Amino acid sequence: MPTEVILVIRWRSRQEWKSISPQLLEDIECQFGSQMGNTHYKIVESLEYQVLETLP
């Protein structure tokens, strides 16, 4: 049985990502919990990285 979920989310910009309202984040968290069967889970790691364009 899987015990870990890895999510990779790509945003157009960091500003767009950081502009999400706390209320929307709370609503999404509730929806996620509901889809997971309201079982106990925790976020064990969260990372942010910037994709750099390469030169030709």
Protein backbone atom coordinates (compact mmCIF):
# COMPACT_ATOMS: atom_id res chain seq x y z
CA MET A 1 0.00 0.00 0.00
CA PRO A 2 1.46 3.41 -0.96
CA THR A 3 2.30 5.63 1.96
CA GLU A 4 3.58 8.72 0.17
CA VAL A 5 2.25 11.19 -2.38
CA ILE A 6 4.55 13.50 -4.28
CA LEU A 7 3.08 16.59 -5.93
CA VAL A 8 4.94 18.77 -8.40
CA ILE A 9 3.13 22.00 -9.19
CA ARG A 10 4.41 24.46 -11.75
CA TRP A 11 3.30 28.08 -11.71
CA ARG A 12 3.79 30.70 -14.42
CA SER A 13 5.45 32.93 -11.86
CA ARG A 14 6.34 33.01 -8.17
CA GLN A 15 4.16 36.11 -7.82
CA GLU A 16 1.16 34.18 -9.15
CA TRP A 17 1.82 31.35 -6.70
CA LYS A 18 2.21 33.64 -3.70
CA SER A 19 -0.94 35.62 -4.57
CA ILE A 20 -3.28 32.73 -3.67
CA SER A 21 -5.54 33.82 -0.83
CA PRO A 22 -5.37 32.02 2.53
CA GLN A 23 -9.10 31.27 2.23
CA LEU A 24 -8.62 29.54 -1.11
CA LEU A 25 -5.75 27.50 0.33
CA GLU A 26 -7.98 26.45 3.22
CA ASP A 27 -10.78 25.46 0.82
CA ILE A 28 -8.36 23.40 -1.29
CA GLU A 29 -6.98 21.73 1.85
CA CYS A 30 -10.53 20.72 2.84
CA GLN A 31 -11.21 19.31 -0.63
CA PHE A 32 -7.94 17.39 -0.60
CA GLY A 33 -8.71 15.93 2.84
CA SER A 34 -12.16 14.90 1.67
CA GLN A 35 -10.74 13.15 -1.40
CA MET A 36 -8.18 11.38 0.79
CA GLY A 37 -11.01 9.98 2.90
CA ASN A 38 -10.31 12.38 5.76
CA THR A 39 -7.44 10.17 6.88
CA HIS A 40 -4.55 11.64 8.82
CA TYR A 41 -1.73 12.94 6.66
CA LYS A 42 1.02 15.50 6.99
CA ILE A 43 3.23 17.45 4.66
CA VAL A 44 6.74 16.26 5.38
CA GLU A 45 8.62 18.43 2.93
CA SER A 46 7.97 21.42 0.70
CA LEU A 47 10.49 22.83 -1.74
CA GLU A 48 10.60 25.74 -4.12
CA TYR A 49 12.89 25.99 -7.12
CA GLN A 50 13.34 28.22 -10.12
CA VAL A 51 13.74 26.79 -13.60
CA LEU A 52 16.39 28.76 -15.46
CA GLU A 53 16.34 29.15 -19.21
CA THR A 54 19.40 27.76 -20.91
CA LEU A 55 21.41 29.66 -23.46
CA PRO A 56 21.33 28.41 -27.07
